[in-house]
C-alpha atoms as a PDB file:
ATOM      1  CA  MET A   1      15.110  28.706  -7.923  1.00  0.00           C
ATOM      2  CA  PRO A   2      14.855  25.057  -9.151  1.00  0.00           C
ATOM      3  CA  ARG A   3      11.892  22.996  -7.959  1.00  0.00           C
ATOM      4  CA  ALA A   4      11.813  19.310  -7.089  1.00  0.00           C
ATOM      5  CA  LEU A   5       9.081  16.892  -6.064  1.00  0.00           C
ATOM      6  CA  ILE A   6      10.245  13.958  -3.927  1.00  0.00           C
ATOM      7  CA  LEU A   7       7.831  11.070  -3.437  1.00  0.00           C
ATOM      8  CA  GLY A   8       8.920   9.183  -0.351  1.00  0.00           C
ATOM      9  CA  GLY A   9      10.660  12.340   0.836  1.00  0.00           C
ATOM     10  CA  ALA A  10      10.442  11.417   4.534  1.00  0.00           C
ATOM     11  CA  GLY A  11      12.046   8.017   4.007  1.00  0.00           C
ATOM     12  CA  PHE A  12      15.700   7.066   4.137  1.00  0.00           C
ATOM     13  CA  ILE A  13      17.177   8.114   0.793  1.00  0.00           C
ATOM     14  CA  GLY A  14      14.362  10.619   0.276  1.00  0.00           C
ATOM     15  CA  TYR A  15      15.291  12.541   3.410  1.00  0.00           C
ATOM     16  CA  HIS A  16      19.007  12.658   2.570  1.00  0.00           C
ATOM     17  CA  LEU A  17      18.224  13.747  -0.992  1.00  0.00           C
ATOM     18  CA  ALA A  18      15.898  16.467   0.290  1.00  0.00           C
ATOM     19  CA  ALA A  19      18.478  17.744   2.765  1.00  0.00           C
ATOM     20  CA  ARG A  20      21.080  17.975   0.004  1.00  0.00           C
ATOM     21  CA  LEU A  21      18.737  19.755  -2.419  1.00  0.00           C
ATOM     22  CA  ALA A  22      17.558  22.177   0.258  1.00  0.00           C
ATOM     23  CA  ASN A  23      21.192  23.122   0.890  1.00  0.00           C
ATOM     24  CA  ASP A  24      21.651  23.520  -2.870  1.00  0.00           C
ATOM     25  CA  GLY A  25      18.859  26.112  -3.016  1.00  0.00           C
ATOM     26  CA  TYR A  26      15.942  24.037  -4.313  1.00  0.00           C
ATOM     27  CA  THR A  27      12.300  24.616  -3.499  1.00  0.00           C
ATOM     28  CA  LEU A  28      11.033  21.208  -2.408  1.00  0.00           C
ATOM     29  CA  THR A  29       7.753  19.412  -1.963  1.00  0.00           C
ATOM     30  CA  LEU A  30       8.021  16.094  -0.147  1.00  0.00           C
ATOM     31  CA  VAL A  31       5.142  13.623  -0.389  1.00  0.00           C
ATOM     32  CA  ASP A  32       5.046  10.725   2.045  1.00  0.00           C
ATOM     33  CA  ASP A  33       2.459   8.639   3.898  1.00  0.00           C
ATOM     34  CA  LEU A  34       4.808   8.499   6.917  1.00  0.00           C
ATOM     35  CA  SER A  35       4.248   4.730   7.094  1.00  0.00           C
ATOM     36  CA  ARG A  36       7.896   4.190   8.043  1.00  0.00           C
ATOM     37  CA  GLY A  37       7.352   6.175  11.154  1.00  0.00           C
ATOM     38  CA  ARG A  38       7.024   9.711  11.983  1.00  0.00           C
ATOM     39  CA  ARG A  39       7.949  13.320  11.686  1.00  0.00           C
ATOM     40  CA  ASP A  40      11.192  12.791  13.573  1.00  0.00           C
ATOM     41  CA  PRO A  41      13.580  15.617  14.574  1.00  0.00           C
ATOM     42  CA  GLU A  42      15.450  15.432  11.248  1.00  0.00           C
ATOM     43  CA  ILE A  43      12.259  15.851   9.229  1.00  0.00           C
ATOM     44  CA  GLU A  44      11.000  18.599  11.524  1.00  0.00           C
ATOM     45  CA  THR A  45      14.257  20.518  11.093  1.00  0.00           C
ATOM     46  CA  LEU A  46      14.162  20.102   7.326  1.00  0.00           C
ATOM     47  CA  CYS A  47      10.520  21.165   7.076  1.00  0.00           C
ATOM     48  CA  ALA A  48      11.183  24.254   9.200  1.00  0.00           C
ATOM     49  CA  ARG A  49      12.842  25.742   6.113  1.00  0.00           C
ATOM     50  CA  SER A  50      10.550  28.032   4.149  1.00  0.00           C
ATOM     51  CA  SER A  51      11.613  26.289   0.938  1.00  0.00           C
ATOM     52  CA  VAL A  52      10.423  22.825   2.057  1.00  0.00           C
ATOM     53  CA  THR A  53       6.823  21.578   2.174  1.00  0.00           C
ATOM     54  CA  LEU A  54       5.749  18.140   3.404  1.00  0.00           C
ATOM     55  CA  VAL A  55       2.470  16.707   2.132  1.00  0.00           C
ATOM     56  CA  GLN A  56       1.135  13.575   3.823  1.00  0.00           C
ATOM     57  CA  ALA A  57      -0.657  11.457   1.244  1.00  0.00           C
ATOM     58  CA  ASP A  58      -1.404   7.850   0.354  1.00  0.00           C
ATOM     59  CA  LEU A  59       0.149   7.454  -3.081  1.00  0.00           C
ATOM     60  CA  THR A  60      -1.888   4.331  -3.812  1.00  0.00           C
ATOM     61  CA  ARG A  61      -4.890   6.628  -4.252  1.00  0.00           C
ATOM     62  CA  PRO A  62      -5.411   7.887  -7.819  1.00  0.00           C
ATOM     63  CA  ASP A  63      -6.048  11.442  -6.583  1.00  0.00           C
ATOM     64  CA  ALA A  64      -3.072  11.637  -4.212  1.00  0.00           C
ATOM     65  CA  LEU A  65      -1.251  14.254  -6.325  1.00  0.00           C
ATOM     66  CA  ALA A  66      -4.317  16.065  -7.653  1.00  0.00           C
ATOM     67  CA  GLU A  67      -3.751  19.229  -5.602  1.00  0.00           C
ATOM     68  CA  LEU A  68      -0.088  19.613  -6.566  1.00  0.00           C
ATOM     69  CA  PRO A  69       1.266  21.588  -9.518  1.00  0.00           C
ATOM     70  CA  ARG A  70       2.631  19.503 -12.399  1.00  0.00           C
ATOM     71  CA  ALA A  71       5.496  21.823 -13.349  1.00  0.00           C
ATOM     72  CA  TRP A  72       8.828  20.756 -11.791  1.00  0.00           C
ATOM     73  CA  ASP A  73      12.461  20.602 -12.743  1.00  0.00           C
ATOM     74  CA  HIS A  74      12.910  17.145 -11.227  1.00  0.00           C
ATOM     75  CA  VAL A  75      10.606  14.429  -9.866  1.00  0.00           C
ATOM     76  CA  PHE A  76      12.111  11.675  -7.722  1.00  0.00           C
ATOM     77  CA  MET A  77      10.080   8.495  -7.231  1.00  0.00           C
ATOM     78  CA  LEU A  78      11.498   6.910  -4.056  1.00  0.00           C
ATOM     79  CA  ALA A  79       8.255   5.874  -2.369  1.00  0.00           C
ATOM     80  CA  ALA A  80       8.054   2.111  -1.840  1.00  0.00           C
ATOM     81  CA  VAL A  81       7.579  -0.529   0.814  1.00  0.00           C
ATOM     82  CA  VAL A  82      11.080  -1.916   1.421  1.00  0.00           C
ATOM     83  CA  GLY A  83      12.878  -4.186   3.875  1.00  0.00           C
ATOM     84  CA  VAL A  84      12.994  -7.959   4.205  1.00  0.00           C
ATOM     85  CA  ARG A  85      10.689  -7.951   7.231  1.00  0.00           C
ATOM     86  CA  ASN A  86       7.942  -6.069   5.374  1.00  0.00           C
ATOM     87  CA  VAL A  87       8.332  -8.270   2.334  1.00  0.00           C
ATOM     88  CA  GLU A  88       8.222 -11.503   4.325  1.00  0.00           C
ATOM     89  CA  THR A  89       5.208 -10.516   6.423  1.00  0.00           C
ATOM     90  CA  ASP A  90       3.024  -8.806   3.804  1.00  0.00           C
ATOM     91  CA  PRO A  91       4.211  -9.369   0.231  1.00  0.00           C
ATOM     92  CA  ALA A  92       0.790  -8.481  -1.176  1.00  0.00           C
ATOM     93  CA  ARG A  93       1.087  -4.983   0.344  1.00  0.00           C
ATOM     94  CA  VAL A  94       4.552  -4.612  -1.197  1.00  0.00           C
ATOM     95  CA  VAL A  95       3.279  -5.441  -4.684  1.00  0.00           C
ATOM     96  CA  ARG A  96       0.137  -3.321  -4.330  1.00  0.00           C
ATOM     97  CA  THR A  97       1.787  -0.222  -2.853  1.00  0.00           C
ATOM     98  CA  ASN A  98       4.870  -0.178  -5.046  1.00  0.00           C
ATOM     99  CA  THR A  99       2.872  -0.773  -8.228  1.00  0.00           C
ATOM    100  CA  LEU A 100      -0.097   1.525  -7.650  1.00  0.00           C
ATOM    101  CA  ALA A 101       2.030   4.418  -6.390  1.00  0.00           C
ATOM    102  CA  LEU A 102       4.194   4.319  -9.501  1.00  0.00           C
ATOM    103  CA  MET A 103       1.365   3.826 -12.004  1.00  0.00           C
ATOM    104  CA  HIS A 104      -0.636   6.726 -10.557  1.00  0.00           C
ATOM    105  CA  LEU A 105       2.463   8.927 -10.731  1.00  0.00           C
ATOM    106  CA  LEU A 106       3.088   8.003 -14.374  1.00  0.00           C
ATOM    107  CA  ASP A 107      -0.546   8.803 -15.215  1.00  0.00           C
ATOM    108  CA  TRP A 108      -0.213  12.188 -13.493  1.00  0.00           C
ATOM    109  CA  LEU A 109       3.125  13.317 -14.989  1.00  0.00           C
ATOM    110  CA  GLY A 110       3.138  15.613 -17.993  1.00  0.00           C
ATOM    111  CA  PRO A 111       5.811  17.050 -20.297  1.00  0.00           C
ATOM    112  CA  GLU A 112       6.072  20.036 -17.937  1.00  0.00           C
ATOM    113  CA  SER A 113       7.040  17.762 -15.014  1.00  0.00           C
ATOM    114  CA  GLY A 114      10.759  17.698 -15.852  1.00  0.00           C
ATOM    115  CA  ALA A 115      12.960  14.654 -15.552  1.00  0.00           C
ATOM    116  CA  LEU A 116      11.842  11.615 -13.528  1.00  0.00           C
ATOM    117  CA  PHE A 117      14.158   9.480 -11.383  1.00  0.00           C
ATOM    118  CA  PHE A 118      12.801   6.030 -10.510  1.00  0.00           C
ATOM    119  CA  ALA A 119      14.451   4.071  -7.691  1.00  0.00           C
ATOM    120  CA  SER A 120      14.990   0.412  -8.518  1.00  0.00           C
ATOM    121  CA  THR A 121      17.177  -2.220  -6.923  1.00  0.00           C
ATOM    122  CA  SER A 122      19.908  -4.795  -7.422  1.00  0.00           C
ATOM    123  CA  GLU A 123      17.341  -7.369  -6.236  1.00  0.00           C
ATOM    124  CA  THR A 124      15.961  -7.359  -9.800  1.00  0.00           C
ATOM    125  CA  TYR A 125      18.840  -9.524 -11.000  1.00  0.00           C
ATOM    126  CA  ALA A 126      19.802 -11.324  -7.764  1.00  0.00           C
ATOM    127  CA  GLY A 127      18.102 -14.520  -8.906  1.00  0.00           C
ATOM    128  CA  GLY A 128      20.552 -14.726 -11.792  1.00  0.00           C
ATOM    129  CA  VAL A 129      23.512 -14.342  -9.435  1.00  0.00           C
ATOM    130  CA  SER A 130      22.202 -17.201  -7.282  1.00  0.00           C
ATOM    131  CA  ALA A 131      21.668 -19.344 -10.379  1.00  0.00           C
ATOM    132  CA  GLY A 132      25.181 -18.626 -11.630  1.00  0.00           C
ATOM    133  CA  THR A 133      23.942 -17.068 -14.869  1.00  0.00           C
ATOM    134  CA  VAL A 134      24.877 -13.473 -14.032  1.00  0.00           C
ATOM    135  CA  PRO A 135      28.455 -12.236 -13.455  1.00  0.00           C
ATOM    136  CA  VAL A 136      29.607 -10.249 -10.431  1.00  0.00           C
ATOM    137  CA  PRO A 137      30.388  -7.321 -10.607  1.00  0.00           C
ATOM    138  CA  THR A 138      27.098  -6.994 -12.457  1.00  0.00           C
ATOM    139  CA  GLY A 139      26.209  -4.613 -15.253  1.00  0.00           C
ATOM    140  CA  GLU A 140      22.768  -3.258 -16.075  1.00  0.00           C
ATOM    141  CA  ASP A 141      22.006  -5.343 -19.162  1.00  0.00           C
ATOM    142  CA  VAL A 142      21.868  -8.814 -17.574  1.00  0.00           C
ATOM    143  CA  PRO A 143      18.570 -10.731 -17.632  1.00  0.00           C
ATOM    144  CA  LEU A 144      16.323  -9.978 -14.659  1.00  0.00           C
ATOM    145  CA  THR A 145      15.431 -13.150 -12.787  1.00  0.00           C
ATOM    146  CA  ILE A 146      13.006 -14.150 -10.031  1.00  0.00           C
ATOM    147  CA  GLU A 147      13.987 -17.462  -8.423  1.00  0.00           C
ATOM    148  CA  ASP A 148      10.502 -18.354  -7.190  1.00  0.00           C
ATOM    149  CA  ILE A 149       7.610 -15.965  -7.797  1.00  0.00           C
ATOM    150  CA  ARG A 150       5.659 -17.742  -5.024  1.00  0.00           C
ATOM    151  CA  ALA A 151       8.244 -16.867  -2.357  1.00  0.00           C
ATOM    152  CA  PRO A 152       7.323 -13.721  -0.358  1.00  0.00           C
ATOM    153  CA  ARG A 153      10.918 -12.476  -0.369  1.00  0.00           C
ATOM    154  CA  PHE A 154      10.842 -11.902  -4.106  1.00  0.00           C
ATOM    155  CA  ALA A 155       7.715  -9.715  -4.104  1.00  0.00           C
ATOM    156  CA  TYR A 156       9.878  -6.589  -3.808  1.00  0.00           C
ATOM    157  CA  ALA A 157      12.066  -7.523  -6.778  1.00  0.00           C
ATOM    158  CA  ALA A 158       8.976  -8.380  -8.835  1.00  0.00           C
ATOM    159  CA  SER A 159       7.447  -4.974  -8.081  1.00  0.00           C
ATOM    160  CA  LYS A 160      10.636  -3.213  -9.177  1.00  0.00           C
ATOM    161  CA  ILE A 161      10.966  -5.218 -12.394  1.00  0.00           C
ATOM    162  CA  LEU A 162       7.428  -4.183 -13.265  1.00  0.00           C
ATOM    163  CA  GLY A 163       8.287  -0.616 -12.272  1.00  0.00           C
ATOM    164  CA  GLU A 164      11.295  -0.484 -14.581  1.00  0.00           C
ATOM    165  CA  ALA A 165       9.166  -1.699 -17.494  1.00  0.00           C
ATOM    166  CA  ALA A 166       6.411   0.795 -16.671  1.00  0.00           C
ATOM    167  CA  VAL A 167       8.821   3.740 -16.558  1.00  0.00           C
ATOM    168  CA  ILE A 168      10.682   2.777 -19.737  1.00  0.00           C
ATOM    169  CA  HIS A 169       7.599   2.193 -21.871  1.00  0.00           C
ATOM    170  CA  THR A 170       5.516   5.074 -20.491  1.00  0.00           C
ATOM    171  CA  ALA A 171       8.371   7.518 -20.962  1.00  0.00           C
ATOM    172  CA  HIS A 172       8.853   6.297 -24.528  1.00  0.00           C
ATOM    173  CA  ALA A 173       5.154   6.447 -25.364  1.00  0.00           C
ATOM    174  CA  ARG A 174       4.585   9.915 -23.914  1.00  0.00           C
ATOM    175  CA  GLY A 175       7.905  11.604 -24.555  1.00  0.00           C
ATOM    176  CA  LEU A 176       8.868  11.890 -20.872  1.00  0.00           C
ATOM    177  CA  HIS A 177      12.447  12.157 -19.630  1.00  0.00           C
ATOM    178  CA  ALA A 178      13.292   9.431 -17.127  1.00  0.00           C
ATOM    179  CA  VAL A 179      16.280   7.640 -15.636  1.00  0.00           C
ATOM    180  CA  ILE A 180      16.182   4.428 -13.583  1.00  0.00           C
ATOM    181  CA  GLY A 181      18.734   4.009 -10.807  1.00  0.00           C
ATOM    182  CA  ARG A 182      19.393   0.540  -9.409  1.00  0.00           C
ATOM    183  CA  PHE A 183      20.579   0.997  -5.829  1.00  0.00           C
ATOM    184  CA  HIS A 184      23.128  -1.443  -4.382  1.00  0.00           C
ATOM    185  CA  ASN A 185      23.248  -1.750  -0.568  1.00  0.00           C
ATOM    186  CA  VAL A 186      22.869   1.945   0.252  1.00  0.00           C
ATOM    187  CA  TYR A 187      23.323   2.656   3.961  1.00  0.00           C
ATOM    188  CA  GLY A 188      23.623   5.540   6.378  1.00  0.00           C
ATOM    189  CA  PRO A 189      21.959   7.292   9.307  1.00  0.00           C
ATOM    190  CA  ARG A 190      18.174   7.149   9.647  1.00  0.00           C
ATOM    191  CA  MET A 191      17.626   4.088   7.472  1.00  0.00           C
ATOM    192  CA  GLY A 192      15.388   2.198   9.908  1.00  0.00           C
ATOM    193  CA  VAL A 193      16.376  -0.897  11.862  1.00  0.00           C
ATOM    194  CA  ASP A 194      15.621  -3.713   9.395  1.00  0.00           C
ATOM    195  CA  HIS A 195      18.887  -3.523   7.454  1.00  0.00           C
ATOM    196  CA  VAL A 196      22.213  -5.146   8.141  1.00  0.00           C
ATOM    197  CA  ILE A 197      24.344  -2.214   9.330  1.00  0.00           C
ATOM    198  CA  PRO A 198      21.762  -0.719  11.757  1.00  0.00           C
ATOM    199  CA  GLU A 199      20.858  -4.191  12.946  1.00  0.00           C
ATOM    200  CA  LEU A 200      24.512  -5.073  13.655  1.00  0.00           C
ATOM    201  CA  SER A 201      25.024  -1.689  15.300  1.00  0.00           C
ATOM    202  CA  LEU A 202      22.074  -2.038  17.657  1.00  0.00           C
ATOM    203  CA  ARG A 203      23.074  -5.558  18.709  1.00  0.00           C
ATOM    204  CA  ALA A 204      26.625  -4.347  19.306  1.00  0.00           C
ATOM    205  CA  LEU A 205      25.256  -1.519  21.444  1.00  0.00           C
ATOM    206  CA  ARG A 206      23.344  -4.127  23.465  1.00  0.00           C
ATOM    207  CA  ARG A 207      26.711  -5.895  23.872  1.00  0.00           C
ATOM    208  CA  GLU A 208      25.389  -9.163  22.452  1.00  0.00           C
ATOM    209  CA  ASP A 209      27.715 -12.072  23.279  1.00  0.00           C
ATOM    210  CA  PRO A 210      27.980 -14.414  21.487  1.00  0.00           C
ATOM    211  CA  PHE A 211      27.451 -12.073  18.568  1.00  0.00           C
ATOM    212  CA  ARG A 212      25.342 -13.577  15.783  1.00  0.00           C
ATOM    213  CA  VAL A 213      26.638 -13.199  12.227  1.00  0.00           C
ATOM    214  CA  TYR A 214      24.289 -14.446   9.516  1.00  0.00           C
ATOM    215  CA  GLY A 215      25.888 -15.409   6.206  1.00  0.00           C
ATOM    216  CA  ALA A 216      29.406 -14.574   7.404  1.00  0.00           C
ATOM    217  CA  ASP A 217      31.036 -15.377   4.042  1.00  0.00           C
ATOM    218  CA  GLN A 218      28.540 -13.479   1.920  1.00  0.00           C
ATOM    219  CA  ARG A 219      30.015 -10.453   0.166  1.00  0.00           C
ATOM    220  CA  ARG A 220      28.541  -7.006  -0.302  1.00  0.00           C
ATOM    221  CA  ALA A 221      29.645  -3.621  -1.668  1.00  0.00           C
ATOM    222  CA  PHE A 222      28.029  -0.970   0.525  1.00  0.00           C
ATOM    223  CA  CYS A 223      27.381   2.573  -0.681  1.00  0.00           C
ATOM    224  CA  HIS A 224      27.043   5.505   1.713  1.00  0.00           C
ATOM    225  CA  VAL A 225      23.842   7.461   1.183  1.00  0.00           C
ATOM    226  CA  SER A 226      25.679  10.719   0.431  1.00  0.00           C
ATOM    227  CA  ASP A 227      27.447   9.006  -2.483  1.00  0.00           C
ATOM    228  CA  ALA A 228      24.114   7.592  -3.686  1.00  0.00           C
ATOM    229  CA  VAL A 229      22.547  11.068  -3.606  1.00  0.00           C
ATOM    230  CA  GLU A 230      25.481  12.525  -5.541  1.00  0.00           C
ATOM    231  CA  ALA A 231      25.083   9.826  -8.198  1.00  0.00           C
ATOM    232  CA  MET A 232      21.340  10.523  -8.485  1.00  0.00           C
ATOM    233  CA  LEU A 233      21.855  14.242  -8.981  1.00  0.00           C
ATOM    234  CA  ARG A 234      24.563  13.712 -11.592  1.00  0.00           C
ATOM    235  CA  LEU A 235      22.296  11.336 -13.512  1.00  0.00           C
ATOM    236  CA  MET A 236      19.410  13.806 -13.475  1.00  0.00           C
ATOM    237  CA  ALA A 237      21.714  16.534 -14.760  1.00  0.00           C
ATOM    238  CA  ALA A 238      23.066  14.383 -17.592  1.00  0.00           C
ATOM    239  CA  GLN A 239      20.629  14.330 -20.502  1.00  0.00           C
ATOM    240  CA  THR A 240      22.583  11.381 -21.947  1.00  0.00           C
ATOM    241  CA  ALA A 241      21.385   9.369 -18.935  1.00  0.00           C
ATOM    242  CA  TRP A 242      17.699   9.897 -19.674  1.00  0.00           C
ATOM    243  CA  GLY A 243      16.113   6.708 -20.956  1.00  0.00           C
ATOM    244  CA  GLN A 244      18.779   4.533 -19.339  1.00  0.00           C
ATOM    245  CA  ILE A 245      19.034   2.087 -16.437  1.00  0.00           C
ATOM    246  CA  VAL A 246      22.126   2.823 -14.338  1.00  0.00           C
ATOM    247  CA  ASN A 247      23.654   1.074 -11.332  1.00  0.00           C
ATOM    248  CA  ILE A 248      24.239   3.208  -8.235  1.00  0.00           C
ATOM    249  CA  GLY A 249      26.622   1.883  -5.607  1.00  0.00           C
ATOM    250  CA  ASN A 250      30.239   1.631  -4.520  1.00  0.00           C
ATOM    251  CA  ASP A 251      32.412  -0.971  -6.246  1.00  0.00           C
ATOM    252  CA  THR A 252      35.647  -0.007  -4.506  1.00  0.00           C
ATOM    253  CA  GLU A 253      35.295  -1.820  -1.153  1.00  0.00           C
ATOM    254  CA  GLU A 254      33.581  -5.183  -1.402  1.00  0.00           C
ATOM    255  CA  THR A 255      33.540  -6.804   2.028  1.00  0.00           C
ATOM    256  CA  ARG A 256      32.561 -10.057   3.745  1.00  0.00           C
ATOM    257  CA  VAL A 257      29.646  -9.847   6.147  1.00  0.00           C
ATOM    258  CA  GLU A 258      31.884 -11.149   8.946  1.00  0.00           C
ATOM    259  CA  ASP A 259      34.405  -8.387   8.276  1.00  0.00           C
ATOM    260  CA  LEU A 260      31.569  -5.850   8.344  1.00  0.00           C
ATOM    261  CA  ALA A 261      30.463  -7.237  11.710  1.00  0.00           C
ATOM    262  CA  ARG A 262      34.019  -6.938  13.042  1.00  0.00           C
ATOM    263  CA  LEU A 263      34.130  -3.308  11.886  1.00  0.00           C
ATOM    264  CA  VAL A 264      30.904  -2.548  13.747  1.00  0.00           C
ATOM    265  CA  LEU A 265      32.218  -4.302  16.878  1.00  0.00           C
ATOM    266  CA  LYS A 266      35.368  -2.196  16.628  1.00  0.00           C
ATOM    267  CA  MET A 267      33.176   0.929  16.668  1.00  0.00           C
ATOM    268  CA  ALA A 268      31.442  -0.432  19.771  1.00  0.00           C
ATOM    269  CA  HIS A 269      34.758  -1.235  21.497  1.00  0.00           C
ATOM    270  CA  ILE A 270      33.722  -4.817  22.257  1.00  0.00           C
ATOM    271  CA  ALA A 271      35.146  -8.195  21.221  1.00  0.00           C
ATOM    272  CA  PRO A 272      32.479 -10.885  21.734  1.00  0.00           C
ATOM    273  CA  VAL A 273      32.615 -14.437  20.449  1.00  0.00           C
ATOM    274  CA  LEU A 274      31.233 -14.635  16.909  1.00  0.00           C
ATOM    275  CA  GLU A 275      28.423 -17.135  16.317  1.00  0.00           C
ATOM    276  CA  ARG A 276      28.350 -17.844  12.583  1.00  0.00           C
ATOM    277  CA  LEU A 277      24.842 -18.739  11.365  1.00  0.00           C
ATOM    278  CA  PRO A 278      23.349 -19.525   7.932  1.00  0.00           C
ATOM    279  CA  ALA A 279      22.370 -16.621   5.721  1.00  0.00           C
ATOM    280  CA  PRO A 280      18.660 -15.752   5.507  1.00  0.00           C
ATOM    281  CA  ALA A 281      16.827 -17.847   2.913  1.00  0.00           C
ATOM    282  CA  GLY A 282      16.943 -16.295  -0.565  1.00  0.00           C
ATOM    283  CA  SER A 283      19.811 -13.961   0.306  1.00  0.00           C
ATOM    284  CA  VAL A 284      22.264 -13.694  -2.590  1.00  0.00           C
ATOM    285  CA  ALA A 285      25.837 -14.825  -1.820  1.00  0.00           C
ATOM    286  CA  ARG A 286      27.562 -11.881  -3.478  1.00  0.00           C
ATOM    287  CA  ARG A 287      26.503  -8.452  -4.688  1.00  0.00           C
ATOM    288  CA  CYS A 288      28.677  -5.822  -6.328  1.00  0.00           C
ATOM    289  CA  PRO A 289      27.740  -3.403  -9.128  1.00  0.00           C
ATOM    290  CA  ASP A 290      29.617  -2.701 -12.301  1.00  0.00           C
ATOM    291  CA  LEU A 291      29.644   1.107 -12.334  1.00  0.00           C
ATOM    292  CA  SER A 292      31.128   1.562 -15.808  1.00  0.00           C
ATOM    293  CA  ARG A 293      27.941   3.142 -17.154  1.00  0.00           C
ATOM    294  CA  LEU A 294      27.525   5.503 -14.211  1.00  0.00           C
ATOM    295  CA  ARG A 295      31.145   6.646 -14.504  1.00  0.00           C
ATOM    296  CA  ALA A 296      30.898   7.121 -18.266  1.00  0.00           C
ATOM    297  CA  LEU A 297      27.708   9.182 -17.998  1.00  0.00           C
ATOM    298  CA  THR A 298      28.586  11.308 -14.993  1.00  0.00           C
ATOM    299  CA  GLY A 299      32.226  10.928 -13.946  1.00  0.00           C
ATOM    300  CA  PHE A 300      30.967   9.727 -10.562  1.00  0.00           C
ATOM    301  CA  SER A 301      33.414   8.302  -8.046  1.00  0.00           C
ATOM    302  CA  PRO A 302      32.423   7.146  -4.511  1.00  0.00           C
ATOM    303  CA  GLN A 303      33.907   9.355  -1.823  1.00  0.00           C
ATOM    304  CA  VAL A 304      32.977   7.786   1.537  1.00  0.00           C
ATOM    305  CA  SER A 305      35.074   4.840   2.732  1.00  0.00           C
ATOM    306  CA  LEU A 306      33.332   1.921   4.408  1.00  0.00           C
ATOM    307  CA  GLU A 307      35.066   2.591   7.722  1.00  0.00           C
ATOM    308  CA  THR A 308      34.097   6.274   7.712  1.00  0.00           C
ATOM    309  CA  GLY A 309      30.506   5.578   6.671  1.00  0.00           C
ATOM    310  CA  VAL A 310      29.965   2.746   9.132  1.00  0.00           C
ATOM    311  CA  GLY A 311      31.480   4.885  11.894  1.00  0.00           C
ATOM    312  CA  GLU A 312      29.074   7.728  11.138  1.00  0.00           C
ATOM    313  CA  THR A 313      26.106   5.344  10.945  1.00  0.00           C
ATOM    314  CA  PHE A 314      27.037   3.578  14.173  1.00  0.00           C
ATOM    315  CA  ALA A 315      27.358   6.920  15.964  1.00  0.00           C
ATOM    316  CA  TRP A 316      23.941   8.023  14.691  1.00  0.00           C
ATOM    317  CA  TYR A 317      22.266   4.831  15.961  1.00  0.00           C
ATOM    318  CA  HIS A 318      24.074   5.137  19.269  1.00  0.00           C
ATOM    319  CA  GLU A 319      22.655   8.633  19.737  1.00  0.00           C
ATOM    320  CA  TRP A 320      19.227   7.589  18.431  1.00  0.00           C
ATOM    321  CA  ARG A 321      19.108   4.704  20.914  1.00  0.00           C
ATOM    322  CA  GLU A 322      20.062   6.980  23.780  1.00  0.00           C
ATOM    323  CA  ARG A 323      17.488   9.545  22.678  1.00  0.00           C
ATOM    324  CA  ALA A 324      14.787   6.890  22.578  1.00  0.00           C
ATOM    325  CA  GLY A 325      15.722   5.742  26.080  1.00  0.00           C
ATOM    326  CA  ARG A 326      16.957   2.370  24.763  1.00  0.00           C
ATOM    327  CA  PRO A 327      16.325  -0.722  24.634  1.00  0.00           C
ATOM    328  CA  GLN A 328      16.297  -1.059  20.773  1.00  0.00           C
END
């Protein structure tokens, strides 16, 4: 039975990855500090399986993994402080947590630890898109750019740029197998409330009117979490991917933010007046990955349409809001 260690296993992508691997017959250990919340019903159900163990630990501590075995088939490093609100309010925590957690993991890994997946982000090159020096759709080999290192918003991107360098050079120096995945606007159920699709969904459920749309003309290519998980697993299975940086996303349905808002409102069966407002400061005008490398390495093709994925996500937040007794 294959064994996987998932750091950040109670988070958004971590949970969906764990659920998929558990169904595929893996023995799993999830490590998480539960800082995003709690042992919610989804995590409780997952951890009720005999093949799944959840360890609560602060990964910024050097000894956080000391009690765990080092022999795995796969290690997934998904633990990080994410979300614009966290980054804006406490950028120092973002840099500290994301950096220390990764560096301690790299120190702990050995040749017996199997292949490592490190979660990075399209934010690493967003500064180049804003400056007009990076094309869209964007490949992996463009220069990574921070517009203003003093701005709190860019603390997350800075931590991930450092993380990519740490993984590449440590893996090379110590003979480890590693692949870096740059996620592009991954969405789905149980992703928290500080992201655009849940945030639009919850305001639609509150029947907001006029309905605020920030950055209406900005363009995004959203990727359903099940497609992102499939891409991760294909990359980990492809030895030709080890040592590479690879975009993960969906390049087949780029959409305007206003059109996304209209899709969410359609799910809510309401038609309020739209109030178009400026985009949040530092938000890139367009984001879409070039997936040529991912396709060449794995044959990956996104399967979930935007309408299907947004419908599923909206329904999950509707139920979650009802379960919580509103008024999120």
